[in-house]
C-alpha atoms as a PDB file:
ATOM      1  CA  MET A   1      44.366 -22.009  21.757  1.00  0.00           C
ATOM      2  CA  ILE A   2      45.569 -22.215  18.155  1.00  0.00           C
ATOM      3  CA  MET A   3      43.692 -20.012  15.698  1.00  0.00           C
ATOM      4  CA  GLU A   4      43.948 -20.501  11.940  1.00  0.00           C
ATOM      5  CA  VAL A   5      44.149 -17.167  10.064  1.00  0.00           C
ATOM      6  CA  LEU A   6      43.363 -17.189   6.350  1.00  0.00           C
ATOM      7  CA  ILE A   7      44.108 -14.160   4.133  1.00  0.00           C
ATOM      8  CA  PRO A   8      42.176 -14.179   0.836  1.00  0.00           C
ATOM      9  CA  SER A   9      43.042 -11.810  -2.005  1.00  0.00           C
ATOM     10  CA  SER A  10      39.627 -11.692  -3.711  1.00  0.00           C
ATOM     11  CA  ALA A  11      35.914 -11.957  -3.013  1.00  0.00           C
ATOM     12  CA  GLU A  12      35.860 -15.217  -4.947  1.00  0.00           C
ATOM     13  CA  GLU A  13      38.422 -16.657  -2.564  1.00  0.00           C
ATOM     14  CA  ILE A  14      36.313 -15.608   0.424  1.00  0.00           C
ATOM     15  CA  CYS A  15      33.376 -17.480  -1.106  1.00  0.00           C
ATOM     16  CA  GLU A  16      35.521 -20.569  -1.558  1.00  0.00           C
ATOM     17  CA  LEU A  17      36.842 -20.493   2.003  1.00  0.00           C
ATOM     18  CA  LEU A  18      33.337 -20.092   3.460  1.00  0.00           C
ATOM     19  CA  SER A  19      31.954 -22.865   1.268  1.00  0.00           C
ATOM     20  CA  GLN A  20      34.608 -25.179   2.709  1.00  0.00           C
ATOM     21  CA  ASP A  21      33.684 -24.263   6.286  1.00  0.00           C
ATOM     22  CA  ASN A  22      30.938 -21.711   7.001  1.00  0.00           C
ATOM     23  CA  SER A  23      31.863 -21.594  10.699  1.00  0.00           C
ATOM     24  CA  ARG A  24      34.945 -19.558   9.848  1.00  0.00           C
ATOM     25  CA  GLN A  25      34.765 -16.056  11.318  1.00  0.00           C
ATOM     26  CA  LEU A  26      35.180 -13.066   9.003  1.00  0.00           C
ATOM     27  CA  LEU A  27      37.474 -10.370  10.355  1.00  0.00           C
ATOM     28  CA  ALA A  28      37.883  -6.847   8.973  1.00  0.00           C
ATOM     29  CA  GLY A  29      38.631  -4.074  11.481  1.00  0.00           C
ATOM     30  CA  GLY A  30      37.922  -6.330  14.469  1.00  0.00           C
ATOM     31  CA  THR A  31      36.806  -3.433  16.671  1.00  0.00           C
ATOM     32  CA  ASP A  32      33.802  -5.410  17.975  1.00  0.00           C
ATOM     33  CA  PHE A  33      34.899  -8.977  17.322  1.00  0.00           C
ATOM     34  CA  MET A  34      38.246  -8.757  19.096  1.00  0.00           C
ATOM     35  CA  VAL A  35      36.617  -7.339  22.214  1.00  0.00           C
ATOM     36  CA  GLU A  36      34.501 -10.493  22.408  1.00  0.00           C
ATOM     37  CA  VAL A  37      37.569 -12.667  21.825  1.00  0.00           C
ATOM     38  CA  ASN A  38      39.548 -10.844  24.512  1.00  0.00           C
ATOM     39  CA  TYR A  39      36.710 -11.320  27.003  1.00  0.00           C
ATOM     40  CA  ARG A  40      36.464 -14.983  25.928  1.00  0.00           C
ATOM     41  CA  HIS A  41      32.896 -14.575  24.701  1.00  0.00           C
ATOM     42  CA  ARG A  42      34.086 -16.120  21.419  1.00  0.00           C
ATOM     43  CA  SER A  43      36.770 -18.674  20.714  1.00  0.00           C
ATOM     44  CA  PRO A  44      36.988 -19.066  16.937  1.00  0.00           C
ATOM     45  CA  SER A  45      39.271 -21.759  15.590  1.00  0.00           C
ATOM     46  CA  SER A  46      39.494 -20.226  12.106  1.00  0.00           C
ATOM     47  CA  VAL A  47      39.413 -16.588  10.945  1.00  0.00           C
ATOM     48  CA  ILE A  48      39.253 -15.135   7.434  1.00  0.00           C
ATOM     49  CA  ALA A  49      40.910 -11.701   7.364  1.00  0.00           C
ATOM     50  CA  ILE A  50      39.101  -9.845   4.571  1.00  0.00           C
ATOM     51  CA  ASP A  51      40.471  -6.323   4.997  1.00  0.00           C
ATOM     52  CA  ARG A  52      43.039  -6.724   2.193  1.00  0.00           C
ATOM     53  CA  VAL A  53      40.538  -7.647  -0.526  1.00  0.00           C
ATOM     54  CA  PRO A  54      40.626  -4.751  -3.034  1.00  0.00           C
ATOM     55  CA  GLU A  55      36.984  -4.855  -4.147  1.00  0.00           C
ATOM     56  CA  LEU A  56      35.819  -4.672  -0.530  1.00  0.00           C
ATOM     57  CA  ARG A  57      38.097  -1.740   0.309  1.00  0.00           C
ATOM     58  CA  ASN A  58      36.872   0.543  -2.490  1.00  0.00           C
ATOM     59  CA  TRP A  59      33.797   2.623  -3.250  1.00  0.00           C
ATOM     60  CA  HIS A  60      32.486   4.173  -6.449  1.00  0.00           C
ATOM     61  CA  HIS A  61      29.930   6.739  -7.580  1.00  0.00           C
ATOM     62  CA  ASP A  62      27.410   4.871  -9.702  1.00  0.00           C
ATOM     63  CA  GLY A  63      24.959   7.266 -11.354  1.00  0.00           C
ATOM     64  CA  ASP A  64      22.616   8.601  -8.676  1.00  0.00           C
ATOM     65  CA  SER A  65      23.997   6.335  -5.954  1.00  0.00           C
ATOM     66  CA  VAL A  66      27.212   5.343  -4.198  1.00  0.00           C
ATOM     67  CA  VAL A  67      28.349   1.746  -3.760  1.00  0.00           C
ATOM     68  CA  ILE A  68      30.556   1.360  -0.685  1.00  0.00           C
ATOM     69  CA  GLY A  69      32.649  -1.772  -0.185  1.00  0.00           C
ATOM     70  CA  SER A  70      32.108  -3.484   3.145  1.00  0.00           C
ATOM     71  CA  CYS A  71      35.729  -2.918   4.245  1.00  0.00           C
ATOM     72  CA  VAL A  72      35.694   0.837   3.657  1.00  0.00           C
ATOM     73  CA  THR A  73      36.657   2.390   6.993  1.00  0.00           C
ATOM     74  CA  TYR A  74      34.987   5.113   8.998  1.00  0.00           C
ATOM     75  CA  ARG A  75      38.107   7.189   8.351  1.00  0.00           C
ATOM     76  CA  GLU A  76      37.458   7.200   4.617  1.00  0.00           C
ATOM     77  CA  ILE A  77      33.732   7.837   5.069  1.00  0.00           C
ATOM     78  CA  GLU A  78      34.158  10.783   7.417  1.00  0.00           C
ATOM     79  CA  ARG A  79      36.023  13.074   5.016  1.00  0.00           C
ATOM     80  CA  GLY A  80      36.896  13.620   1.368  1.00  0.00           C
ATOM     81  CA  PRO A  81      34.659  12.925  -1.647  1.00  0.00           C
ATOM     82  CA  LEU A  82      32.546  10.286   0.063  1.00  0.00           C
ATOM     83  CA  ALA A  83      31.684  12.684   2.881  1.00  0.00           C
ATOM     84  CA  THR A  84      30.482  15.227   0.304  1.00  0.00           C
ATOM     85  CA  LEU A  85      28.267  12.683  -1.434  1.00  0.00           C
ATOM     86  CA  VAL A  86      26.656  11.242   1.727  1.00  0.00           C
ATOM     87  CA  PRO A  87      27.095  13.851   4.472  1.00  0.00           C
ATOM     88  CA  ALA A  88      24.958  12.167   7.155  1.00  0.00           C
ATOM     89  CA  LEU A  89      27.046   9.016   6.861  1.00  0.00           C
ATOM     90  CA  ALA A  90      30.155  11.160   7.339  1.00  0.00           C
ATOM     91  CA  GLN A  91      28.632  12.842  10.386  1.00  0.00           C
ATOM     92  CA  ALA A  92      27.917   9.437  11.905  1.00  0.00           C
ATOM     93  CA  ALA A  93      31.404   8.133  11.088  1.00  0.00           C
ATOM     94  CA  ARG A  94      33.020  11.065  12.902  1.00  0.00           C
ATOM     95  CA  THR A  95      31.266  10.083  16.144  1.00  0.00           C
ATOM     96  CA  VAL A  96      32.603   6.511  16.175  1.00  0.00           C
ATOM     97  CA  GLY A  97      35.222   5.879  18.847  1.00  0.00           C
ATOM     98  CA  SER A  98      38.780   7.163  18.668  1.00  0.00           C
ATOM     99  CA  PRO A  99      40.859   7.907  15.549  1.00  0.00           C
ATOM    100  CA  GLN A 100      42.414   4.456  15.936  1.00  0.00           C
ATOM    101  CA  ILE A 101      38.975   2.822  15.904  1.00  0.00           C
ATOM    102  CA  ARG A 102      37.875   4.888  12.880  1.00  0.00           C
ATOM    103  CA  ASN A 103      41.013   3.865  11.002  1.00  0.00           C
ATOM    104  CA  ALA A 104      40.232   0.180  11.573  1.00  0.00           C
ATOM    105  CA  GLY A 105      36.453  -0.138  11.852  1.00  0.00           C
ATOM    106  CA  THR A 106      34.404  -0.718   8.698  1.00  0.00           C
ATOM    107  CA  ILE A 107      30.893  -0.032   7.467  1.00  0.00           C
ATOM    108  CA  GLY A 108      30.370  -3.733   6.770  1.00  0.00           C
ATOM    109  CA  GLY A 109      31.388  -4.589  10.307  1.00  0.00           C
ATOM    110  CA  ASN A 110      28.923  -2.065  11.710  1.00  0.00           C
ATOM    111  CA  ILE A 111      26.125  -3.603   9.647  1.00  0.00           C
ATOM    112  CA  GLY A 112      27.121  -7.213  10.305  1.00  0.00           C
ATOM    113  CA  THR A 113      27.451  -6.731  14.057  1.00  0.00           C
ATOM    114  CA  ALA A 114      23.791  -5.625  13.965  1.00  0.00           C
ATOM    115  CA  SER A 115      23.973  -3.755  17.258  1.00  0.00           C
ATOM    116  CA  PRO A 116      21.022  -1.386  17.855  1.00  0.00           C
ATOM    117  CA  ALA A 117      23.624   1.226  18.862  1.00  0.00           C
ATOM    118  CA  GLY A 118      25.544   0.975  15.564  1.00  0.00           C
ATOM    119  CA  ASP A 119      26.009   4.550  14.349  1.00  0.00           C
ATOM    120  CA  MET A 120      25.780   3.711  10.634  1.00  0.00           C
ATOM    121  CA  ILE A 121      22.441   1.936  11.074  1.00  0.00           C
ATOM    122  CA  PRO A 122      19.983   4.887  11.418  1.00  0.00           C
ATOM    123  CA  VAL A 123      21.621   6.736   8.518  1.00  0.00           C
ATOM    124  CA  LEU A 124      21.515   3.719   6.229  1.00  0.00           C
ATOM    125  CA  SER A 125      17.912   3.022   7.242  1.00  0.00           C
ATOM    126  CA  ALA A 126      16.797   6.602   6.533  1.00  0.00           C
ATOM    127  CA  LEU A 127      18.575   6.430   3.164  1.00  0.00           C
ATOM    128  CA  GLY A 128      16.840   3.175   2.233  1.00  0.00           C
ATOM    129  CA  ALA A 129      20.186   1.395   1.820  1.00  0.00           C
ATOM    130  CA  GLU A 130      20.464  -1.804  -0.204  1.00  0.00           C
ATOM    131  CA  VAL A 131      23.065  -4.343   0.916  1.00  0.00           C
ATOM    132  CA  SER A 132      24.799  -6.663  -1.550  1.00  0.00           C
ATOM    133  CA  LEU A 133      25.423 -10.164  -0.180  1.00  0.00           C
ATOM    134  CA  ARG A 134      27.674 -12.738  -1.791  1.00  0.00           C
ATOM    135  CA  SER A 135      28.385 -16.437  -1.478  1.00  0.00           C
ATOM    136  CA  SER A 136      29.534 -19.314  -3.657  1.00  0.00           C
ATOM    137  CA  GLU A 137      25.891 -19.562  -4.792  1.00  0.00           C
ATOM    138  CA  GLY A 138      25.937 -16.032  -6.230  1.00  0.00           C
ATOM    139  CA  LYS A 139      24.827 -12.534  -5.217  1.00  0.00           C
ATOM    140  CA  ARG A 140      21.619 -11.065  -3.865  1.00  0.00           C
ATOM    141  CA  GLU A 141      20.432  -7.607  -2.865  1.00  0.00           C
ATOM    142  CA  ILE A 142      18.543  -7.024   0.370  1.00  0.00           C
ATOM    143  CA  SER A 143      17.349  -3.955   2.221  1.00  0.00           C
ATOM    144  CA  LEU A 144      19.115  -3.092   5.457  1.00  0.00           C
ATOM    145  CA  ASP A 145      15.806  -3.425   7.287  1.00  0.00           C
ATOM    146  CA  ASP A 146      15.438  -7.010   6.052  1.00  0.00           C
ATOM    147  CA  LEU A 147      19.069  -7.914   6.745  1.00  0.00           C
ATOM    148  CA  ILE A 148      19.086  -6.940  10.433  1.00  0.00           C
ATOM    149  CA  VAL A 149      16.324  -8.954  12.088  1.00  0.00           C
ATOM    150  CA  GLY A 150      17.089  -8.487  15.784  1.00  0.00           C
ATOM    151  CA  VAL A 151      19.708  -7.553  18.353  1.00  0.00           C
ATOM    152  CA  LYS A 152      23.000  -8.773  16.824  1.00  0.00           C
ATOM    153  CA  GLN A 153      21.003 -11.008  14.479  1.00  0.00           C
ATOM    154  CA  THR A 154      20.990 -10.965  10.672  1.00  0.00           C
ATOM    155  CA  SER A 155      19.340 -12.933   7.895  1.00  0.00           C
ATOM    156  CA  LEU A 156      22.689 -13.851   6.315  1.00  0.00           C
ATOM    157  CA  GLY A 157      22.577 -17.339   4.861  1.00  0.00           C
ATOM    158  CA  GLN A 158      25.252 -19.986   5.249  1.00  0.00           C
ATOM    159  CA  GLY A 159      28.450 -18.948   3.532  1.00  0.00           C
ATOM    160  CA  GLU A 160      27.180 -15.419   2.811  1.00  0.00           C
ATOM    161  CA  PHE A 161      29.038 -12.216   3.562  1.00  0.00           C
ATOM    162  CA  ILE A 162      28.396  -8.503   3.091  1.00  0.00           C
ATOM    163  CA  GLU A 163      30.110  -7.326  -0.075  1.00  0.00           C
ATOM    164  CA  SER A 164      28.882  -3.718  -0.349  1.00  0.00           C
ATOM    165  CA  VAL A 165      26.111  -1.274   0.467  1.00  0.00           C
ATOM    166  CA  ARG A 166      24.371   1.070  -1.971  1.00  0.00           C
ATOM    167  CA  VAL A 167      22.930   4.438  -0.903  1.00  0.00           C
ATOM    168  CA  PRO A 168      21.430   7.275  -2.962  1.00  0.00           C
ATOM    169  CA  VAL A 169      23.251  10.537  -3.673  1.00  0.00           C
ATOM    170  CA  LEU A 170      20.615  13.169  -2.921  1.00  0.00           C
ATOM    171  CA  GLU A 171      22.515  16.489  -2.893  1.00  0.00           C
ATOM    172  CA  SER A 172      20.149  17.778  -0.208  1.00  0.00           C
ATOM    173  CA  PRO A 173      20.440  18.505   3.536  1.00  0.00           C
ATOM    174  CA  GLN A 174      21.033  15.605   5.925  1.00  0.00           C
ATOM    175  CA  GLU A 175      21.607  15.400   9.667  1.00  0.00           C
ATOM    176  CA  PHE A 176      22.895  12.810  12.105  1.00  0.00           C
ATOM    177  CA  LEU A 177      22.652  13.466  15.843  1.00  0.00           C
ATOM    178  CA  LYS A 178      23.651  11.355  18.804  1.00  0.00           C
ATOM    179  CA  VAL A 179      23.283  11.369  22.586  1.00  0.00           C
ATOM    180  CA  GLY A 180      25.945   9.696  24.706  1.00  0.00           C
ATOM    181  CA  SER A 181      27.206   9.724  28.265  1.00  0.00           C
ATOM    182  CA  ARG A 182      30.008  12.087  27.219  1.00  0.00           C
ATOM    183  CA  SER A 183      30.838  14.224  24.196  1.00  0.00           C
ATOM    184  CA  ALA A 184      33.250  11.877  22.395  1.00  0.00           C
ATOM    185  CA  MET A 185      34.256   8.215  21.978  1.00  0.00           C
ATOM    186  CA  VAL A 186      30.986   6.911  23.358  1.00  0.00           C
ATOM    187  CA  ILE A 187      28.379   4.284  22.486  1.00  0.00           C
ATOM    188  CA  SER A 188      25.038   5.836  21.565  1.00  0.00           C
ATOM    189  CA  VAL A 189      22.334   6.206  24.174  1.00  0.00           C
ATOM    190  CA  THR A 190      20.143   7.356  21.274  1.00  0.00           C
ATOM    191  CA  SER A 191      20.913   8.462  17.742  1.00  0.00           C
ATOM    192  CA  LEU A 192      18.898   9.720  14.801  1.00  0.00           C
ATOM    193  CA  ALA A 193      19.345  10.466  11.114  1.00  0.00           C
ATOM    194  CA  LEU A 194      17.123  12.814   9.138  1.00  0.00           C
ATOM    195  CA  ILE A 195      17.409  12.755   5.338  1.00  0.00           C
ATOM    196  CA  THR A 196      15.575  15.153   3.017  1.00  0.00           C
ATOM    197  CA  TYR A 197      14.063  14.026  -0.273  1.00  0.00           C
ATOM    198  CA  PRO A 198      13.292  17.201  -2.260  1.00  0.00           C
ATOM    199  CA  LYS A 199      11.845  15.378  -5.285  1.00  0.00           C
ATOM    200  CA  THR A 200       9.082  13.821  -3.189  1.00  0.00           C
ATOM    201  CA  GLN A 201       9.084  16.677  -0.671  1.00  0.00           C
ATOM    202  CA  SER A 202       9.481  14.237   2.183  1.00  0.00           C
ATOM    203  CA  VAL A 203      11.951  13.269   4.891  1.00  0.00           C
ATOM    204  CA  GLY A 204      13.357   9.947   6.068  1.00  0.00           C
ATOM    205  CA  ILE A 205      13.936   9.450   9.795  1.00  0.00           C
ATOM    206  CA  GLY A 206      16.076   6.583  11.050  1.00  0.00           C
ATOM    207  CA  LEU A 207      16.196   5.771  14.773  1.00  0.00           C
ATOM    208  CA  GLY A 208      19.227   4.354  16.575  1.00  0.00           C
ATOM    209  CA  ALA A 209      19.675   2.559  19.928  1.00  0.00           C
ATOM    210  CA  VAL A 210      15.950   2.576  20.750  1.00  0.00           C
ATOM    211  CA  ASN A 211      14.710  -0.547  18.924  1.00  0.00           C
ATOM    212  CA  PRO A 212      16.103  -4.057  18.392  1.00  0.00           C
ATOM    213  CA  ARG A 213      16.311  -3.588  14.614  1.00  0.00           C
ATOM    214  CA  PRO A 214      16.468  -0.666  12.129  1.00  0.00           C
ATOM    215  CA  THR A 215      13.386   1.542  12.424  1.00  0.00           C
ATOM    216  CA  ARG A 216      11.958   4.423  10.435  1.00  0.00           C
ATOM    217  CA  ALA A 217       9.577   6.848  12.164  1.00  0.00           C
ATOM    218  CA  ARG A 218       7.037   6.475   9.351  1.00  0.00           C
ATOM    219  CA  GLN A 219       4.107   8.214  11.021  1.00  0.00           C
ATOM    220  CA  ALA A 220       6.274  11.212  11.884  1.00  0.00           C
ATOM    221  CA  GLU A 221       7.632  11.331   8.323  1.00  0.00           C
ATOM    222  CA  GLU A 222       4.090  11.422   6.919  1.00  0.00           C
ATOM    223  CA  PHE A 223       2.739  13.898   9.483  1.00  0.00           C
ATOM    224  CA  ILE A 224       5.418  16.566   9.055  1.00  0.00           C
ATOM    225  CA  LYS A 225       4.944  16.802   5.271  1.00  0.00           C
ATOM    226  CA  ASP A 226       2.098  19.320   5.666  1.00  0.00           C
ATOM    227  CA  PHE A 227       4.240  21.611   7.816  1.00  0.00           C
ATOM    228  CA  LEU A 228       7.252  21.932   5.514  1.00  0.00           C
ATOM    229  CA  ASN A 229       7.805  24.668   2.934  1.00  0.00           C
ATOM    230  CA  TRP A 230      10.393  23.404   0.458  1.00  0.00           C
ATOM    231  CA  GLU A 231      10.785  26.733  -1.342  1.00  0.00           C
ATOM    232  CA  SER A 232      11.716  28.737   1.750  1.00  0.00           C
ATOM    233  CA  MET A 233      13.064  25.702   3.659  1.00  0.00           C
ATOM    234  CA  GLN A 234      10.946  26.577   6.658  1.00  0.00           C
ATOM    235  CA  VAL A 235       8.824  24.525   9.027  1.00  0.00           C
ATOM    236  CA  ASP A 236       5.569  25.622  10.621  1.00  0.00           C
ATOM    237  CA  PRO A 237       6.370  25.387  14.360  1.00  0.00           C
ATOM    238  CA  SER A 238       2.790  24.418  15.191  1.00  0.00           C
ATOM    239  CA  GLY A 239       3.571  20.882  14.019  1.00  0.00           C
ATOM    240  CA  LEU A 240       6.792  20.361  15.943  1.00  0.00           C
ATOM    241  CA  ASP A 241       5.405  19.116  19.265  1.00  0.00           C
ATOM    242  CA  HIS A 242       3.313  16.384  17.680  1.00  0.00           C
ATOM    243  CA  PHE A 243       6.149  15.508  15.314  1.00  0.00           C
ATOM    244  CA  LYS A 244       8.411  14.988  18.320  1.00  0.00           C
ATOM    245  CA  GLU A 245       5.763  12.834  20.025  1.00  0.00           C
ATOM    246  CA  LEU A 246       5.350  10.635  16.945  1.00  0.00           C
ATOM    247  CA  VAL A 247       9.095  10.015  16.759  1.00  0.00           C
ATOM    248  CA  SER A 248       9.170   9.106  20.445  1.00  0.00           C
ATOM    249  CA  GLU A 249       6.234   6.735  19.943  1.00  0.00           C
ATOM    250  CA  ALA A 250       8.136   4.916  17.170  1.00  0.00           C
ATOM    251  CA  SER A 251      10.749   3.860  19.733  1.00  0.00           C
ATOM    252  CA  ARG A 252      10.653   0.794  21.984  1.00  0.00           C
ATOM    253  CA  PRO A 253      13.706   1.369  24.194  1.00  0.00           C
ATOM    254  CA  ILE A 254      14.890  -0.634  27.170  1.00  0.00           C
ATOM    255  CA  ASP A 255      16.556   0.113  30.480  1.00  0.00           C
ATOM    256  CA  ASP A 256      20.227  -0.867  30.546  1.00  0.00           C
ATOM    257  CA  HIS A 257      23.548   0.209  32.062  1.00  0.00           C
ATOM    258  CA  ARG A 258      23.796   3.217  29.715  1.00  0.00           C
ATOM    259  CA  SER A 259      20.349   4.731  30.179  1.00  0.00           C
ATOM    260  CA  VAL A 260      16.723   4.180  31.103  1.00  0.00           C
ATOM    261  CA  ALA A 261      13.927   3.704  28.586  1.00  0.00           C
ATOM    262  CA  ALA A 262      12.087   6.888  29.544  1.00  0.00           C
ATOM    263  CA  TYR A 263      15.123   9.042  28.841  1.00  0.00           C
ATOM    264  CA  ARG A 264      15.766   7.303  25.524  1.00  0.00           C
ATOM    265  CA  ARG A 265      12.149   7.809  24.469  1.00  0.00           C
ATOM    266  CA  HIS A 266      12.304  11.492  25.357  1.00  0.00           C
ATOM    267  CA  SER A 267      15.713  12.172  23.842  1.00  0.00           C
ATOM    268  CA  ILE A 268      14.954  10.541  20.475  1.00  0.00           C
ATOM    269  CA  GLY A 269      12.070  12.982  20.037  1.00  0.00           C
ATOM    270  CA  VAL A 270      14.285  15.912  20.975  1.00  0.00           C
ATOM    271  CA  LEU A 271      16.913  14.805  18.451  1.00  0.00           C
ATOM    272  CA  ALA A 272      14.267  14.608  15.725  1.00  0.00           C
ATOM    273  CA  GLN A 273      13.024  18.127  16.387  1.00  0.00           C
ATOM    274  CA  ARG A 274      16.574  19.448  16.574  1.00  0.00           C
ATOM    275  CA  ALA A 275      17.569  17.785  13.300  1.00  0.00           C
ATOM    276  CA  LEU A 276      14.461  19.074  11.543  1.00  0.00           C
ATOM    277  CA  THR A 277      14.951  22.671  12.691  1.00  0.00           C
ATOM    278  CA  ARG A 278      18.617  22.596  11.701  1.00  0.00           C
ATOM    279  CA  ILE A 279      17.474  21.975   8.131  1.00  0.00           C
ATOM    280  CA  PHE A 280      14.167  23.866   8.105  1.00  0.00           C
ATOM    281  CA  SER A 281      14.183  27.150  10.002  1.00  0.00           C
ATOM    282  CA  GLU A 282      11.097  27.805  12.093  1.00  0.00           C
ATOM    283  CA  ARG A 283       8.662  30.102  10.344  1.00  0.00           C
ATOM    284  CA  SER A 284       7.806  33.244  12.280  1.00  0.00           C
ATOM    285  CA  PRO A 285       4.155  33.866  13.214  1.00  0.00           C
ATOM    286  CA  SER A 286       3.958  36.630  10.591  1.00  0.00           C
ATOM    287  CA  GLY A 287       5.756  34.503   7.964  1.00  0.00           C
END
């Protein structure tokens, strides 16, 4: 099979190439896409390699948020200034595959693949991420939750691609936790991000690998508010059991070759309690 490989040098050129033929496959790190090609699940005739486009490879601190180009790699996210600004995203990036995978894989690829097990997804959901999409028709902003509409399904229009993602800089505690079949280089059985919002005295909880699309545990977020002391950074332990139950109830997992639904439902609640008590120490009965 002959495959045409096109190498644009700008986002405008990507738009032009997609407008000519929107069946062309975008390729950045290729850590998911090339697996499908190798197993002959895909046979693209034309590929646009976008990993050399400067504006997609960069990120910048924009006021109270960070804008991350879609071709920024896990390697860059997991350490350095970006890791300091968005620590939960860095924690998630460190759990992705091997060093070789983290050097190649990109945040845009993780979003665009739209796998429920994508490690960036729960963090971006809990942060309320906004994704910038671009095409020859112009740009539009969309929430992550509206972009990913099902298992490996997005609402991208014809000729559109992911240009960047914007997340807030909160300068407050964040946690990402993950359960897998082994301690490293593993696809998530369950994962969870917990983000603190001191200004509103609330938390955001994003669930991973337990629902077909990005999910926040909204009822759990609302319930736990009354049990948190933001001055002492303590949590009243009397609310933890129900908090864990509410997180579990927000999940709709399935049985598959990696786990069974019952274990996923249980473990996502355990991760939520663990993340919360890592940030808020349990208040003693006399406290």
